[in-house]
Amino acid sequence: MANSVEIVHICRGDLTVDLVGPYEVVCALMNRSGGSTGNIDQACTVDESLLQSEIVA
């Protein structure tokens, strides 16, 4: 699944970006990376099966 992330912020190192699937499975797209650089404008691909997996406890 292709995704595009565009966030305007002065310090991208402050940010975490997660994609949450229908069964509340979380896939981290970005975790405080980029230091003091501003803004996020990137494309990423996530394996769709990871987000559609139902967790059985």
Protein backbone atom coordinates (compact mmCIF):
# COMPACT_ATOMS: atom_id res chain seq x y z
CA MET A 1 0.00 0.00 0.00
CA ALA A 2 1.54 3.31 -1.08
CA ASN A 3 1.20 6.27 1.27
CA SER A 4 2.19 9.89 1.08
CA VAL A 5 3.00 11.95 4.17
CA GLU A 6 3.17 15.75 4.10
CA ILE A 7 3.52 17.55 7.43
CA VAL A 8 4.68 21.13 7.92
CA HIS A 9 6.60 21.48 11.19
CA ILE A 10 9.79 23.33 12.09
CA CYS A 11 11.56 20.28 13.57
CA ARG A 12 10.70 16.84 12.20
CA GLY A 13 12.73 15.24 14.98
CA ASP A 14 9.82 16.11 17.29
CA LEU A 15 7.38 13.91 15.37
CA THR A 16 6.26 10.29 15.29
CA VAL A 17 4.01 9.15 12.43
CA ASP A 18 2.03 5.90 12.66
CA LEU A 19 -0.39 4.20 10.29
CA VAL A 20 -3.17 2.38 12.17
CA GLY A 21 -5.03 -0.50 10.51
CA PRO A 22 -8.65 -1.55 11.03
CA TYR A 23 -7.73 -3.98 13.83
CA GLU A 24 -5.70 -1.26 15.57
CA VAL A 25 -2.41 -2.75 14.32
CA VAL A 26 0.15 0.08 14.33
CA CYS A 27 2.85 0.44 11.70
CA ALA A 28 5.46 3.12 12.47
CA LEU A 29 6.27 5.29 9.44
CA MET A 30 8.60 7.71 11.21
CA ASN A 31 9.91 7.93 14.77
CA ARG A 32 11.66 11.19 15.63
CA SER A 33 14.04 10.93 12.66
CA GLY A 34 15.50 13.88 10.82
CA GLY A 35 16.90 15.91 13.71
CA SER A 36 16.25 19.64 13.45
CA THR A 37 15.32 19.52 9.76
CA GLY A 38 11.89 20.99 8.99
CA ASN A 39 8.85 19.40 7.34
CA ILE A 40 8.07 15.87 6.20
CA ASP A 41 7.30 15.21 2.53
CA GLN A 42 7.85 11.59 1.66
CA ALA A 43 6.26 8.52 0.15
CA CYS A 44 6.41 5.12 1.80
CA THR A 45 5.10 1.64 1.12
CA VAL A 46 3.58 -0.59 3.80
CA ASP A 47 2.80 -4.30 3.46
CA GLU A 48 -1.01 -4.25 3.52
CA SER A 49 -1.20 -7.67 5.16
CA LEU A 50 0.45 -6.24 8.29
CA LEU A 51 -2.41 -3.79 8.80
CA GLN A 52 -5.21 -6.24 8.09
CA SER A 53 -4.07 -8.98 10.44
CA GLU A 54 -6.46 -9.55 13.30
CA ILE A 55 -4.60 -10.09 16.57
CA VAL A 56 -5.87 -13.10 18.48
CA ALA A 57 -5.08 -13.00 22.18
